[in-house]
C-alpha cells in the first residue's frame, strides 16, 4: 500500500481513538489491509512507524495518555484540528 493510503487509515483511527498505543494503531492498519484482501508487508509496517513519527514531529501526536502512562508506546492526539486538517488534505488528493 502507499504511504498516503496507510496515513489515511492511521488518521481515521486516531480521529476515533485519540488516546491509544502504537501497537493499537499498527494492528488497526494491518486489519484494514487484510480487509482489502491484501497482506501487510514489512514496508507497510515501517510506513506506519514513519507516519506516527511524522505526526509527532508535526505536533499532532504526543507521547503519553495519562499520568500513569506518560511515555511511548502510549500516545494521544494533542492537536485534533491539525489531525482533521491532515485528514481533509488526504481526502482532497
N, C-alpha and C. Protein backbone atom coordinates (compact mmCIF):
# COMPACT_ATOMS: atom_id res chain seq x y z
N UNK A 1 0.84 -1.18 0.00
CA UNK A 1 0.00 0.00 0.00
C UNK A 1 0.88 1.25 0.00
N UNK A 2 0.32 2.33 -0.45
CA UNK A 2 1.09 3.56 -0.49
C UNK A 2 1.08 4.22 0.90
N UNK A 3 2.04 5.11 1.08
CA UNK A 3 2.12 5.85 2.34
C UNK A 3 0.84 6.66 2.56
N UNK A 4 0.32 7.25 1.51
CA UNK A 4 -0.90 8.04 1.61
C UNK A 4 -2.09 7.19 2.08
N UNK A 5 -2.23 6.00 1.52
CA UNK A 5 -3.32 5.10 1.92
C UNK A 5 -3.19 4.70 3.38
N UNK A 6 -1.99 4.37 3.80
CA UNK A 6 -1.77 3.96 5.19
C UNK A 6 -1.99 5.15 6.11
N UNK A 7 -1.51 6.33 5.73
CA UNK A 7 -1.71 7.51 6.57
C UNK A 7 -3.20 7.80 6.77
N UNK A 8 -3.98 7.64 5.72
CA UNK A 8 -5.42 7.86 5.82
C UNK A 8 -6.03 6.91 6.85
N UNK A 9 -5.64 5.65 6.82
CA UNK A 9 -6.15 4.67 7.79
C UNK A 9 -5.74 5.07 9.20
N UNK A 10 -4.49 5.48 9.38
CA UNK A 10 -4.00 5.91 10.70
C UNK A 10 -4.79 7.12 11.19
N UNK A 11 -4.97 8.11 10.34
CA UNK A 11 -5.69 9.32 10.73
C UNK A 11 -7.13 9.02 11.11
N UNK A 12 -7.80 8.18 10.33
CA UNK A 12 -9.17 7.81 10.65
C UNK A 12 -9.25 7.11 12.01
N UNK A 13 -8.31 6.22 12.27
CA UNK A 13 -8.28 5.51 13.55
C UNK A 13 -8.06 6.49 14.70
N UNK A 14 -7.11 7.40 14.53
CA UNK A 14 -6.80 8.35 15.60
C UNK A 14 -7.94 9.34 15.85
N UNK A 15 -8.68 9.66 14.81
CA UNK A 15 -9.82 10.56 14.99
C UNK A 15 -10.84 9.93 15.95
N UNK A 16 -11.01 8.62 15.85
CA UNK A 16 -11.97 7.91 16.71
C UNK A 16 -11.34 7.40 18.01
N UNK A 17 -10.01 7.31 18.04
CA UNK A 17 -9.29 6.77 19.20
C UNK A 17 -8.11 7.68 19.54
N UNK A 18 -8.38 8.87 20.09
CA UNK A 18 -7.30 9.83 20.31
C UNK A 18 -6.32 9.46 21.43
N UNK A 19 -6.66 8.50 22.27
CA UNK A 19 -5.76 8.01 23.32
C UNK A 19 -5.56 6.53 23.08
N UNK A 20 -4.34 6.15 22.68
CA UNK A 20 -4.12 4.78 22.24
C UNK A 20 -2.65 4.41 22.39
N UNK A 21 -2.28 3.31 21.77
CA UNK A 21 -0.88 2.89 21.74
C UNK A 21 -0.44 2.71 20.29
N UNK A 22 0.85 2.72 20.10
CA UNK A 22 1.39 2.48 18.76
C UNK A 22 0.97 1.09 18.27
N UNK A 23 0.96 0.11 19.16
CA UNK A 23 0.54 -1.24 18.79
C UNK A 23 -0.90 -1.27 18.30
N UNK A 24 -1.79 -0.54 18.96
CA UNK A 24 -3.18 -0.49 18.51
C UNK A 24 -3.30 0.12 17.12
N UNK A 25 -2.51 1.15 16.86
CA UNK A 25 -2.52 1.75 15.52
C UNK A 25 -2.05 0.74 14.49
N UNK A 26 -0.92 0.08 14.78
CA UNK A 26 -0.39 -0.93 13.86
C UNK A 26 -1.42 -2.02 13.59
N UNK A 27 -2.02 -2.55 14.65
CA UNK A 27 -3.00 -3.63 14.50
C UNK A 27 -4.19 -3.18 13.66
N UNK A 28 -4.62 -1.94 13.85
CA UNK A 28 -5.74 -1.43 13.07
C UNK A 28 -5.40 -1.34 11.60
N UNK A 29 -4.22 -0.83 11.30
CA UNK A 29 -3.81 -0.71 9.89
C UNK A 29 -3.66 -2.09 9.26
N UNK A 30 -3.04 -3.01 9.96
CA UNK A 30 -2.87 -4.36 9.43
C UNK A 30 -4.23 -5.01 9.18
N UNK A 31 -5.18 -4.82 10.09
CA UNK A 31 -6.53 -5.36 9.89
C UNK A 31 -7.19 -4.73 8.67
N UNK A 32 -7.02 -3.42 8.50
CA UNK A 32 -7.61 -2.74 7.34
C UNK A 32 -7.00 -3.25 6.03
N UNK A 33 -5.72 -3.52 6.04
CA UNK A 33 -5.05 -4.07 4.85
C UNK A 33 -5.61 -5.45 4.54
N UNK A 34 -5.76 -6.28 5.57
CA UNK A 34 -6.31 -7.63 5.37
C UNK A 34 -7.75 -7.58 4.88
N UNK A 35 -8.54 -6.62 5.37
CA UNK A 35 -9.93 -6.47 4.93
C UNK A 35 -10.01 -6.17 3.43
N UNK A 36 -8.96 -5.60 2.90
CA UNK A 36 -8.90 -5.29 1.46
C UNK A 36 -8.38 -6.48 0.65
N UNK A 37 -8.17 -7.61 1.34
CA UNK A 37 -7.70 -8.81 0.67
C UNK A 37 -6.22 -8.81 0.39
N UNK A 38 -5.49 -7.96 1.07
CA UNK A 38 -4.04 -7.86 0.88
C UNK A 38 -3.33 -8.37 2.12
N UNK A 39 -2.03 -8.53 1.99
CA UNK A 39 -1.21 -8.91 3.12
C UNK A 39 -0.26 -7.76 3.45
N UNK A 40 -0.14 -7.45 4.73
CA UNK A 40 0.76 -6.36 5.15
C UNK A 40 2.20 -6.78 4.92
N UNK A 41 2.94 -5.93 4.26
CA UNK A 41 4.36 -6.20 4.01
C UNK A 41 5.22 -5.59 5.12
N UNK A 42 6.49 -5.94 5.12
CA UNK A 42 7.42 -5.32 6.07
C UNK A 42 7.48 -3.82 5.85
N UNK A 43 7.39 -3.42 4.59
CA UNK A 43 7.42 -2.00 4.27
C UNK A 43 6.19 -1.28 4.83
N UNK A 44 5.03 -1.93 4.78
CA UNK A 44 3.81 -1.33 5.34
C UNK A 44 3.98 -1.05 6.83
N UNK A 45 4.55 -1.99 7.54
CA UNK A 45 4.74 -1.83 8.98
C UNK A 45 5.72 -0.69 9.27
N UNK A 46 6.76 -0.59 8.48
CA UNK A 46 7.72 0.51 8.65
C UNK A 46 7.08 1.85 8.29
N UNK A 47 6.20 1.86 7.30
CA UNK A 47 5.50 3.10 6.95
C UNK A 47 4.62 3.58 8.09
N UNK A 48 4.01 2.66 8.81
CA UNK A 48 3.20 3.03 9.97
C UNK A 48 4.06 3.80 10.97
N UNK A 49 5.24 3.26 11.27
CA UNK A 49 6.15 3.94 12.21
C UNK A 49 6.56 5.31 11.68
N UNK A 50 6.85 5.40 10.40
CA UNK A 50 7.24 6.68 9.80
C UNK A 50 6.10 7.70 9.92
N UNK A 51 4.89 7.26 9.65
CA UNK A 51 3.73 8.14 9.74
C UNK A 51 3.53 8.63 11.17
N UNK A 52 3.64 7.73 12.12
CA UNK A 52 3.50 8.11 13.53
C UNK A 52 4.58 9.12 13.90
N UNK A 53 5.80 8.86 13.51
CA UNK A 53 6.90 9.78 13.84
C UNK A 53 6.68 11.15 13.18
N UNK A 54 6.23 11.15 11.92
CA UNK A 54 5.93 12.42 11.24
C UNK A 54 4.88 13.21 12.02
N UNK A 55 3.87 12.52 12.53
CA UNK A 55 2.82 13.21 13.27
C UNK A 55 3.31 13.70 14.64
N UNK A 56 4.26 13.01 15.22
CA UNK A 56 4.87 13.51 16.46
C UNK A 56 5.67 14.77 16.15
N UNK A 57 6.45 14.74 15.08
CA UNK A 57 7.27 15.89 14.71
C UNK A 57 6.41 17.10 14.31
N UNK A 58 5.22 16.85 13.77
CA UNK A 58 4.31 17.93 13.38
C UNK A 58 3.38 18.34 14.52
N UNK A 59 3.63 17.82 15.70
CA UNK A 59 2.87 18.15 16.91
C UNK A 59 1.38 17.84 16.79
N UNK A 60 1.10 16.74 16.10
CA UNK A 60 -0.26 16.22 16.05
C UNK A 60 -0.42 15.17 17.15
N UNK A 61 0.64 14.40 17.36
CA UNK A 61 0.66 13.37 18.40
C UNK A 61 1.71 13.70 19.45
N UNK A 62 1.43 13.28 20.67
CA UNK A 62 2.37 13.45 21.78
C UNK A 62 2.42 12.14 22.57
N UNK A 63 3.60 11.74 23.03
CA UNK A 63 3.66 10.54 23.86
C UNK A 63 2.85 10.68 25.14
N UNK A 64 2.30 9.56 25.59
CA UNK A 64 1.56 9.50 26.84
C UNK A 64 0.06 9.61 26.66
N UNK A 65 -0.67 8.99 27.64
CA UNK A 65 -2.13 9.09 27.61
C UNK A 65 -2.70 9.56 28.95
N UNK A 66 -1.92 9.43 30.01
CA UNK A 66 -2.36 9.90 31.33
C UNK A 66 -1.15 9.93 32.26
N UNK A 67 -1.37 10.31 33.52
CA UNK A 67 -0.25 10.46 34.45
C UNK A 67 0.46 9.14 34.76
N UNK A 68 -0.19 8.02 34.51
CA UNK A 68 0.44 6.71 34.75
C UNK A 68 1.12 6.14 33.50
N UNK A 69 0.84 6.70 32.35
CA UNK A 69 1.38 6.21 31.08
C UNK A 69 1.85 7.41 30.26
N UNK A 70 2.97 7.97 30.68
CA UNK A 70 3.46 9.22 30.10
C UNK A 70 4.36 9.05 28.88
N UNK A 71 4.80 7.85 28.63
CA UNK A 71 5.80 7.63 27.59
C UNK A 71 5.28 6.69 26.50
N UNK A 72 6.06 6.62 25.42
CA UNK A 72 5.77 5.64 24.38
C UNK A 72 5.80 4.25 24.99
N UNK A 73 4.98 3.36 24.58
CA UNK A 73 4.22 3.31 23.34
C UNK A 73 2.85 4.01 23.41
N UNK A 74 2.52 4.61 24.54
CA UNK A 74 1.25 5.31 24.66
C UNK A 74 1.35 6.67 23.96
N UNK A 75 0.31 7.02 23.21
CA UNK A 75 0.30 8.30 22.52
C UNK A 75 -1.12 8.86 22.53
N UNK A 76 -1.19 10.18 22.35
CA UNK A 76 -2.50 10.81 22.22
C UNK A 76 -2.46 11.92 21.18
N UNK A 77 -3.62 12.20 20.64
CA UNK A 77 -3.75 13.30 19.68
C UNK A 77 -3.71 14.58 20.49
N UNK A 78 -2.67 15.37 20.28
CA UNK A 78 -2.51 16.61 21.03
C UNK A 78 -3.09 17.82 20.29
N UNK A 79 -3.37 17.63 19.00
CA UNK A 79 -3.97 18.73 18.23
C UNK A 79 -4.96 18.13 17.24
N UNK A 80 -6.20 18.01 17.67
CA UNK A 80 -7.24 17.39 16.83
C UNK A 80 -7.49 18.22 15.57
N UNK A 81 -7.37 19.54 15.64
CA UNK A 81 -7.57 20.38 14.46
C UNK A 81 -6.54 20.05 13.38
N UNK A 82 -5.28 19.89 13.77
CA UNK A 82 -4.24 19.53 12.80
C UNK A 82 -4.51 18.15 12.21
N UNK A 83 -4.95 17.21 13.05
CA UNK A 83 -5.26 15.87 12.57
C UNK A 83 -6.39 15.94 11.54
N UNK A 84 -7.44 16.66 11.84
CA UNK A 84 -8.58 16.78 10.91
C UNK A 84 -8.17 17.48 9.63
N UNK A 85 -7.30 18.49 9.71
CA UNK A 85 -6.81 19.16 8.51
C UNK A 85 -5.99 18.22 7.64
N UNK A 86 -5.16 17.41 8.29
CA UNK A 86 -4.34 16.44 7.55
C UNK A 86 -5.25 15.41 6.87
N UNK A 87 -6.29 14.99 7.57
CA UNK A 87 -7.25 14.04 7.02
C UNK A 87 -7.97 14.66 5.81
N UNK A 88 -8.36 15.90 5.94
CA UNK A 88 -9.02 16.61 4.83
C UNK A 88 -8.08 16.72 3.64
N UNK A 89 -6.80 17.02 3.88
CA UNK A 89 -5.82 17.09 2.79
C UNK A 89 -5.75 15.76 2.05
N UNK A 90 -5.73 14.65 2.81
CA UNK A 90 -5.64 13.33 2.19
C UNK A 90 -6.88 13.02 1.37
N UNK A 91 -8.03 13.44 1.84
CA UNK A 91 -9.28 13.19 1.11
C UNK A 91 -9.29 14.00 -0.18
N UNK A 92 -8.77 15.22 -0.13
CA UNK A 92 -8.77 16.10 -1.29
C UNK A 92 -7.78 15.67 -2.37
N UNK A 93 -6.82 14.84 -2.02
CA UNK A 93 -5.80 14.41 -3.01
C UNK A 93 -6.35 13.47 -4.03
